[in-house]
Protein backbone atom coordinates (compact mmCIF):
# COMPACT_ATOMS: atom_id res chain seq x y z
CA MET A 1 -31.44 -22.62 38.20
CA THR A 2 -27.58 -22.57 38.16
CA GLY A 3 -26.81 -25.06 35.41
CA ALA A 4 -28.08 -27.09 32.40
CA ASN A 5 -28.59 -30.10 34.57
CA SER A 6 -29.64 -28.23 37.77
CA PHE A 7 -33.00 -28.80 39.32
CA SER A 8 -32.52 -26.94 42.54
CA VAL A 9 -35.30 -24.82 44.02
CA SER A 10 -34.81 -21.49 45.74
CA GLY A 11 -35.82 -20.57 49.04
CA TYR A 12 -34.14 -23.17 51.16
CA GLY A 13 -31.23 -22.05 53.52
CA PRO A 14 -28.10 -24.52 54.03
CA GLU A 15 -29.66 -26.05 57.28
CA ARG A 16 -32.41 -27.41 54.90
CA ALA A 17 -29.90 -28.89 52.12
CA GLY A 18 -31.25 -32.33 52.81
CA TRP A 19 -35.01 -31.31 52.21
CA THR A 20 -33.85 -29.43 49.29
CA ARG A 21 -32.34 -32.58 47.51
CA VAL A 22 -35.59 -34.53 48.12
CA PHE A 23 -37.81 -31.68 46.88
CA ALA A 24 -35.15 -31.29 43.87
CA ARG A 25 -35.84 -34.94 42.86
CA ASP A 26 -39.74 -34.41 43.36
CA SER A 27 -39.56 -31.48 41.07
CA VAL A 28 -37.96 -33.32 38.31
CA ALA A 29 -40.90 -35.72 38.40
CA ARG A 30 -43.43 -33.07 38.77
CA ARG A 31 -42.14 -31.30 35.65
CA LEU A 32 -41.89 -34.14 33.44
CA ASP A 33 -44.43 -34.15 30.55
CA TRP A 34 -46.55 -37.14 31.89
CA PRO A 35 -49.18 -37.40 29.13
CA ILE A 36 -46.07 -38.09 26.57
CA LEU A 37 -44.78 -40.69 28.96
CA LEU A 38 -47.97 -42.35 29.86
CA SER A 39 -49.05 -42.39 26.16
CA ALA A 40 -45.65 -44.03 25.08
CA LEU A 41 -45.82 -46.57 27.79
CA ALA A 42 -49.62 -47.46 26.87
CA LEU A 43 -48.61 -47.60 23.20
CA SER A 44 -45.44 -49.87 23.99
CA GLY A 45 -47.76 -52.20 26.18
CA ILE A 46 -50.57 -52.20 23.42
CA GLY A 47 -47.74 -53.25 21.03
CA SER A 48 -46.86 -56.17 23.39
CA LEU A 49 -50.13 -57.65 23.28
CA LEU A 50 -50.16 -57.10 19.49
CA VAL A 51 -46.79 -58.57 18.77
CA PHE A 52 -47.62 -61.41 21.02
CA SER A 53 -50.98 -62.11 18.90
CA ALA A 54 -49.09 -61.82 15.65
CA THR A 55 -46.07 -64.41 16.72
CA ARG A 56 -47.34 -67.04 19.50
CA ASN A 57 -48.25 -69.39 16.51
CA ARG A 58 -45.59 -68.46 14.39
CA THR A 59 -43.41 -71.52 15.03
CA GLU A 60 -41.18 -70.93 12.05
CA ILE A 61 -39.84 -67.80 13.75
CA ASN A 62 -40.68 -68.03 17.44
CA GLN A 63 -38.20 -70.95 17.87
CA GLY A 64 -41.05 -72.89 19.27
CA ASP A 65 -41.59 -70.56 22.21
CA PRO A 66 -44.81 -68.58 21.99
CA TYR A 67 -43.52 -65.93 24.31
CA TYR A 68 -40.13 -65.44 22.34
CA PHE A 69 -41.04 -62.15 20.78
CA LEU A 70 -43.14 -60.72 23.59
CA LEU A 71 -40.42 -61.07 26.09
CA ARG A 72 -38.01 -59.50 23.66
CA HIS A 73 -40.36 -56.73 23.03
CA LEU A 74 -40.70 -55.97 26.57
CA MET A 75 -36.88 -56.12 27.14
CA ASN A 76 -36.46 -53.73 24.23
CA THR A 77 -39.25 -51.51 26.01
CA GLY A 78 -37.20 -51.83 29.28
CA ILE A 79 -33.99 -50.76 27.58
CA GLY A 80 -35.63 -48.04 25.73
CA LEU A 81 -36.85 -46.64 29.20
CA ALA A 82 -33.26 -46.88 30.60
CA LEU A 83 -32.02 -44.66 27.40
CA MET A 84 -34.93 -42.32 28.08
CA ILE A 85 -33.70 -41.74 31.71
CA GLY A 86 -30.15 -41.73 30.69
CA THR A 87 -30.92 -39.01 27.97
CA LEU A 88 -32.89 -37.21 30.65
CA TRP A 89 -30.14 -37.24 33.11
CA LEU A 90 -27.45 -36.06 30.62
CA GLY A 91 -29.79 -33.28 29.08
CA HIS A 92 -30.07 -32.14 25.76
CA ARG A 93 -27.83 -29.27 26.27
CA ALA A 94 -25.00 -31.67 27.24
CA LEU A 95 -25.64 -33.86 24.13
CA ARG A 96 -25.48 -30.64 22.27
CA ASN A 97 -21.56 -30.67 23.07
CA ALA A 98 -21.27 -34.32 22.13
CA VAL A 99 -22.85 -33.89 18.66
CA PRO A 100 -19.74 -34.24 16.72
CA ILE A 101 -19.03 -37.63 18.61
CA LEU A 102 -22.58 -38.80 17.93
CA TYR A 103 -22.51 -37.78 14.45
CA GLY A 104 -19.25 -39.78 13.68
CA LEU A 105 -20.51 -42.76 15.58
CA SER A 106 -23.86 -42.94 13.41
CA VAL A 107 -22.13 -42.29 10.03
CA PHE A 108 -19.67 -44.97 10.94
CA GLY A 109 -22.45 -47.21 11.78
CA ILE A 110 -24.35 -46.93 8.48
CA LEU A 111 -21.16 -47.23 6.73
CA ALA A 112 -20.39 -50.64 8.67
CA VAL A 113 -23.85 -51.79 6.99
CA LEU A 114 -22.24 -51.42 3.50
CA THR A 115 -19.45 -53.72 4.38
CA PRO A 116 -19.54 -57.47 4.93
CA LEU A 117 -20.77 -56.79 8.49
CA GLY A 118 -24.07 -55.69 7.01
CA SER A 119 -27.04 -58.15 6.52
CA THR A 120 -30.09 -58.09 4.48
CA VAL A 121 -33.23 -58.67 6.25
CA ASN A 122 -36.84 -58.77 4.43
CA GLY A 123 -35.15 -57.20 1.27
CA ALA A 124 -33.43 -54.36 3.04
CA HIS A 125 -29.67 -54.22 3.39
CA SER A 126 -29.86 -52.14 6.57
CA TRP A 127 -28.81 -54.22 9.34
CA ILE A 128 -25.84 -55.61 11.32
CA VAL A 129 -26.52 -59.01 12.68
CA LEU A 130 -24.87 -59.25 16.45
CA GLY A 131 -25.56 -62.84 17.09
CA GLY A 132 -27.85 -64.67 19.41
CA GLY A 133 -30.91 -63.40 17.34
CA PHE A 134 -30.07 -59.56 17.91
CA SER A 135 -29.46 -57.07 15.26
CA LEU A 136 -29.04 -53.43 14.74
CA GLN A 137 -30.32 -50.97 12.22
CA PRO A 138 -27.91 -48.08 12.49
CA SER A 139 -30.11 -45.85 10.41
CA GLU A 140 -32.67 -45.65 13.05
CA PHE A 141 -30.15 -43.50 15.20
CA VAL A 142 -29.06 -41.33 12.35
CA LYS A 143 -32.54 -39.47 12.56
CA ILE A 144 -31.66 -38.39 16.02
CA THR A 145 -28.07 -37.21 14.99
CA ILE A 146 -29.56 -35.26 12.01
CA ILE A 147 -32.01 -33.51 14.47
CA LEU A 148 -29.20 -32.88 17.15
CA GLY A 149 -26.53 -31.88 14.47
CA MET A 150 -28.89 -29.52 12.51
CA ALA A 151 -30.08 -27.95 15.93
CA MET A 152 -26.83 -27.29 16.95
CA LEU A 153 -25.68 -25.41 13.72
CA LEU A 154 -29.01 -23.47 13.06
CA ALA A 155 -29.37 -22.30 16.59
CA ALA A 156 -25.84 -21.56 17.76
CA ARG A 157 -25.68 -17.73 16.81
CA VAL A 158 -29.30 -17.22 17.50
CA ASP A 159 -29.19 -18.45 20.89
CA ALA A 160 -26.03 -16.47 21.33
CA GLY A 161 -27.77 -13.33 20.53
CA ASP A 162 -25.75 -12.70 17.32
CA LYS A 163 -28.67 -13.19 14.55
CA LYS A 164 -32.59 -13.35 14.66
CA TYR A 165 -32.70 -16.16 12.33
CA PRO A 166 -30.34 -18.65 10.91
CA ASP A 167 -28.40 -17.12 7.64
CA HIS A 168 -27.95 -18.75 4.44
CA ARG A 169 -24.36 -20.07 5.20
CA THR A 170 -25.55 -21.84 8.41
CA VAL A 171 -28.53 -23.58 6.56
CA LEU A 172 -26.30 -24.66 3.87
CA GLN A 173 -23.89 -25.91 6.42
CA SER A 174 -26.73 -27.89 8.24
CA LEU A 175 -28.00 -29.27 5.17
CA GLY A 176 -24.56 -30.51 4.22
CA LEU A 177 -24.22 -32.32 7.60
CA ALA A 178 -27.66 -34.08 6.91
CA ALA A 179 -26.74 -34.89 3.35
CA VAL A 180 -23.79 -37.15 4.23
CA PRO A 181 -25.70 -39.77 5.97
CA ILE A 182 -28.91 -39.48 4.05
CA LEU A 183 -26.58 -40.53 0.79
CA ILE A 184 -25.06 -43.42 2.46
CA VAL A 185 -28.42 -44.69 3.54
CA LEU A 186 -29.58 -44.24 -0.04
CA LEU A 187 -26.87 -46.73 -1.06
CA MET A 188 -28.25 -49.38 1.10
CA PRO A 189 -31.04 -48.68 -0.27
CA ASP A 190 -33.36 -47.83 2.62
CA LEU A 191 -35.85 -45.52 1.13
CA GLY A 192 -38.26 -45.50 3.87
CA SER A 193 -35.50 -44.23 6.25
CA VAL A 194 -34.42 -41.51 3.74
CA MET A 195 -38.22 -40.50 3.35
CA VAL A 196 -38.04 -40.06 7.00
CA MET A 197 -35.00 -38.01 7.16
CA VAL A 198 -35.99 -35.62 4.48
CA ILE A 199 -39.17 -34.89 6.62
CA ILE A 200 -37.37 -34.21 9.53
CA ILE A 201 -35.06 -31.57 7.70
CA LEU A 202 -38.37 -29.99 6.53
CA GLY A 203 -39.52 -29.95 10.21
CA VAL A 204 -36.17 -28.55 11.41
CA LEU A 205 -35.72 -25.87 8.75
CA LEU A 206 -39.47 -24.61 9.57
CA ALA A 207 -38.81 -24.48 13.10
CA SER A 208 -35.40 -22.69 12.89
CA GLY A 209 -37.07 -19.75 11.21
CA ALA A 210 -34.93 -20.04 8.05
CA SER A 211 -36.05 -18.37 4.96
CA ASN A 212 -39.03 -20.20 3.15
CA ARG A 213 -36.94 -20.28 -0.05
CA TRP A 214 -34.65 -23.12 1.47
CA VAL A 215 -37.99 -24.94 2.31
CA PHE A 216 -39.39 -24.81 -1.24
CA GLY A 217 -35.98 -25.43 -2.63
CA LEU A 218 -35.63 -28.31 -0.53
CA ILE A 219 -39.15 -29.62 -1.83
CA ALA A 220 -37.90 -29.18 -5.21
CA ALA A 221 -34.56 -30.68 -4.88
CA GLY A 222 -36.49 -33.89 -3.46
CA ALA A 223 -38.74 -34.12 -6.42
CA ILE A 224 -35.70 -33.94 -8.69
CA GLY A 225 -33.82 -36.36 -6.43
CA ALA A 226 -36.63 -38.98 -6.69
CA ILE A 227 -36.68 -38.67 -10.36
CA ALA A 228 -33.17 -38.98 -10.59
CA VAL A 229 -33.30 -42.31 -8.27
CA TRP A 230 -36.00 -43.94 -10.44
CA GLN A 231 -34.15 -43.19 -13.68
CA LEU A 232 -30.69 -44.20 -12.36
CA HIS A 233 -32.18 -47.56 -11.13
CA ILE A 234 -30.87 -47.17 -7.77
CA LEU A 235 -33.76 -48.94 -6.24
CA ASP A 236 -33.94 -52.66 -5.76
CA ALA A 237 -36.66 -54.65 -7.82
CA TYR A 238 -38.66 -55.29 -4.58
CA GLN A 239 -39.14 -51.50 -3.82
CA ILE A 240 -40.08 -50.79 -7.31
CA ASN A 241 -42.68 -53.52 -7.13
CA ARG A 242 -44.09 -51.80 -3.90
CA PHE A 243 -44.49 -48.55 -5.59
CA ALA A 244 -46.12 -50.41 -8.56
CA ALA A 245 -48.73 -52.21 -6.06
CA PHE A 246 -49.42 -48.85 -4.40
CA ALA A 247 -50.06 -47.14 -7.93
CA ASN A 248 -52.40 -50.09 -8.76
CA PRO A 249 -53.85 -51.91 -5.78
CA ASP A 250 -55.31 -54.67 -8.06
CA LEU A 251 -51.86 -55.40 -9.60
CA ASP A 252 -50.93 -59.16 -8.95
CA PRO A 253 -52.96 -59.69 -5.88
CA ALA A 254 -51.17 -62.96 -5.15
CA GLY A 255 -47.49 -61.36 -5.74
CA VAL A 256 -46.55 -57.84 -5.07
CA GLY A 257 -49.97 -56.69 -4.05
CA TYR A 258 -50.38 -59.56 -1.64
CA ASN A 259 -49.17 -57.64 1.49
CA THR A 260 -51.32 -54.64 1.09
CA ASN A 261 -54.56 -56.76 0.07
CA GLN A 262 -54.36 -59.08 3.22
CA ALA A 263 -53.72 -55.91 5.34
CA ARG A 264 -56.86 -54.13 4.33
CA ILE A 265 -58.83 -57.51 4.59
CA ALA A 266 -57.76 -57.82 8.14
CA ILE A 267 -58.37 -54.21 9.22
CA GLY A 268 -61.73 -54.21 7.48
CA SER A 269 -62.82 -57.38 8.90
CA GLY A 270 -62.38 -55.99 12.43
CA GLY A 271 -65.46 -53.72 12.48
CA LEU A 272 -66.08 -51.36 15.34
CA THR A 273 -65.01 -53.47 18.26
CA GLY A 274 -62.85 -56.14 16.39
CA ALA A 275 -62.70 -59.99 16.57
CA GLY A 276 -61.31 -60.01 20.35
CA LEU A 277 -57.63 -60.18 21.24
CA PHE A 278 -55.93 -63.27 19.86
CA HIS A 279 -59.04 -64.35 17.94
CA GLY A 280 -58.52 -62.54 14.60
CA SER A 281 -58.81 -65.22 11.66
CA GLN A 282 -56.44 -63.24 9.36
CA THR A 283 -53.77 -62.91 12.42
CA THR A 284 -54.46 -66.45 13.55
CA GLY A 285 -54.09 -67.58 9.91
CA GLN A 286 -50.97 -65.93 9.23
CA PHE A 287 -52.17 -64.37 6.23
CA VAL A 288 -50.37 -60.96 6.61
CA PRO A 289 -46.63 -61.07 6.46
CA GLU A 290 -44.61 -59.43 8.99
CA GLN A 291 -47.18 -58.65 11.20
CA GLN A 292 -45.24 -58.00 14.35
CA THR A 293 -43.11 -55.21 12.64
CA ASP A 294 -44.35 -53.37 9.60
CA PHE A 295 -47.96 -54.49 9.54
CA VAL A 296 -48.74 -54.45 13.42
CA PHE A 297 -51.40 -52.05 12.74
CA THR A 298 -53.45 -54.85 11.10
CA VAL A 299 -53.51 -56.79 14.32
CA ALA A 300 -55.03 -53.92 16.02
CA GLY A 301 -57.55 -53.12 13.43
CA GLU A 302 -58.80 -56.80 13.11
CA GLU A 303 -58.82 -57.84 16.70
CA LEU A 304 -59.35 -54.59 18.42
CA GLY A 305 -61.49 -52.93 15.84
CA PHE A 306 -61.90 -49.24 14.96
CA LEU A 307 -62.02 -48.44 18.55
CA GLY A 308 -58.77 -49.91 19.40
CA ALA A 309 -57.02 -48.97 16.37
CA GLY A 310 -58.31 -45.47 16.84
CA LEU A 311 -56.92 -45.43 20.56
CA ILE A 312 -53.41 -45.94 19.10
CA ILE A 313 -53.86 -43.11 16.68
CA LEU A 314 -55.33 -40.94 19.68
CA LEU A 315 -52.21 -41.77 22.00
CA LEU A 316 -49.84 -40.98 19.11
CA GLY A 317 -51.87 -37.69 18.71
CA VAL A 318 -51.32 -36.86 22.29
CA ILE A 319 -47.42 -37.38 22.01
CA LEU A 320 -47.48 -35.09 18.91
CA TRP A 321 -49.62 -32.54 20.66
CA ARG A 322 -47.48 -32.57 23.93
CA ALA A 323 -44.26 -32.43 21.61
CA CYS A 324 -45.60 -29.29 19.74
CA ARG A 325 -46.23 -27.53 23.00
CA ILE A 326 -42.63 -28.13 24.30
CA ALA A 327 -41.45 -26.94 21.04
CA ARG A 328 -43.52 -23.86 21.50
CA ASP A 329 -42.52 -23.39 25.09
CA SER A 330 -38.79 -23.86 24.56
CA THR A 331 -36.99 -20.68 25.69
CA GLU A 332 -33.98 -21.49 23.38
CA LEU A 333 -34.26 -22.03 19.62
CA TYR A 334 -32.03 -25.35 19.96
CA GLY A 335 -34.79 -26.90 22.07
CA THR A 336 -37.40 -25.65 19.67
CA ILE A 337 -35.80 -27.26 16.79
CA VAL A 338 -34.87 -30.49 18.38
CA ALA A 339 -38.71 -30.92 19.70
CA ALA A 340 -39.92 -29.93 16.13
CA GLY A 341 -37.72 -32.39 14.53
CA ILE A 342 -39.05 -34.94 16.74
CA VAL A 343 -42.47 -34.12 15.69
CA ALA A 344 -41.71 -34.49 12.21
CA TRP A 345 -40.35 -37.67 12.40
CA PHE A 346 -43.02 -39.46 14.64
CA ALA A 347 -45.86 -37.88 12.57
CA PHE A 348 -44.51 -38.90 9.25
CA GLN A 349 -43.42 -42.36 10.30
CA ALA A 350 -46.67 -43.02 12.09
CA PHE A 351 -48.72 -41.78 9.06
CA GLU A 352 -46.60 -43.85 6.87
CA ASN A 353 -46.82 -47.07 8.54
CA VAL A 354 -50.72 -46.67 9.14
CA GLY A 355 -51.27 -45.46 5.58
CA MET A 356 -49.50 -48.30 4.02
CA THR A 357 -51.69 -50.80 5.75
CA LEU A 358 -54.92 -48.78 4.58
CA GLY A 359 -53.42 -48.52 1.05
CA ILE A 360 -53.11 -44.76 0.95
CA MET A 361 -49.16 -45.01 1.20
CA PRO A 362 -46.67 -47.03 -0.39
CA VAL A 363 -45.16 -49.85 1.60
CA THR A 364 -41.76 -48.87 2.88
CA GLY A 365 -41.06 -50.98 5.78
CA LEU A 366 -41.09 -48.25 8.61
CA PRO A 367 -42.12 -49.34 11.85
CA LEU A 368 -45.11 -47.98 13.88
CA PRO A 369 -43.27 -45.90 16.84
CA PHE A 370 -43.40 -47.60 20.16
CA VAL A 371 -45.63 -50.45 18.71
CA SER A 372 -43.98 -52.24 16.31
CA TYR A 373 -41.50 -55.07 17.26
CA GLY A 374 -37.68 -53.82 16.69
CA GLY A 375 -34.93 -52.99 19.20
CA SER A 376 -33.28 -50.34 17.31
CA SER A 377 -36.69 -48.36 16.61
CA MET A 378 -37.70 -48.82 20.34
CA PHE A 379 -34.26 -47.42 21.53
CA ALA A 380 -34.40 -44.49 19.24
CA VAL A 381 -37.85 -43.26 19.69
CA TRP A 382 -37.54 -43.55 23.67
CA VAL A 383 -34.17 -41.48 23.42
CA ALA A 384 -36.49 -39.08 21.49
CA VAL A 385 -38.81 -39.03 24.43
CA GLY A 386 -35.68 -38.50 26.90
CA LEU A 387 -34.77 -35.45 24.68
CA LEU A 388 -38.45 -34.01 24.88
CA GLN A 389 -38.60 -34.55 28.47
CA SER A 390 -35.15 -32.73 29.07
CA ILE A 391 -36.38 -29.67 27.03
CA LYS A 392 -39.38 -29.64 29.31
CA VAL A 393 -37.68 -30.18 32.44
CA GLN A 394 -34.64 -27.99 31.96
CA ARG A 395 -36.82 -25.04 30.94
CA PRO A 396 -36.24 -22.11 33.47
CA MET A 397 -38.75 -22.26 36.54
CA SER A 398 -39.91 -18.66 35.17
CA ALA A 399 -40.99 -20.00 31.84
């Protein structure tokens, strides 16, 4: 290989350059991580059916068109695929050089939410409404820039051969880089996104080989920060109520505990094989709020049963397993850190989303990767898939 984005294959002379180009294109496809790609496509496809089931009878939100959310979910998936291809074409190494620009844009985006441009959706002031029924949640893209930015700093001297592990100064710089957007997102307040970002930082530090003292220190700082957030009344009333309902599931079942109670009823009624797609009484009766977004897993539990819901978890598990292998096999620390950060992001967000529907985690409004309706989330996770594929494809042929 002759460059970061070179996929040429040795052994062909100039007279066979045409065949070399054809083979080079084939080699990219051959070296893609197909289990990740196919699993992500399957999850998005299942998500399309679940979103359609949850919204086809919701005339108050689908503008009288039963296919309104289905078509938009498919469109979001298509845009996500295009972003994945673009990310793969650019390459994670090229994006490494663009981190300052991407970081500046992401910080600008979340700052814009705090201005009159920002809008409140379902109690969370973390959106920018673009018009025409479209909106943007900048905090979704901050997850990517935190991963890329920290990876750039932590891996710079290690990949250059100057050090074996990131030193304390480098770790402190990377934490400072991540702290700025996290503090801004906390002011929204978008606690769910902050939780994901903190887990991403932990995953990145563990993968970087930094001293474990930083990891333990960050956990302690997170606990102290959580207490401070509670004592300073930074959280909104609806967020406090969500934690109260999690601590006491029987608290106000017709009020703050309504969502989680109905979610457990829907999942529990599905049994082994479910009531059948489009035949769930809880879903058809619209008993579970926000079923196309935060609580989409309840549709799977009720209509596809334990087997269908288990399939979703299995597909997510395949993505995490393959991403871990990509992180392990990367020949540079930068690639390892990026892949590990994505693993931490996907794993925690999926666990939190499924856990809140089962009552084992508090409700935080985090979408289920690839499955929940939402453009910003869909775009971000497919960009992450593009990063994983780039790390896999651009590994030297000998590796």
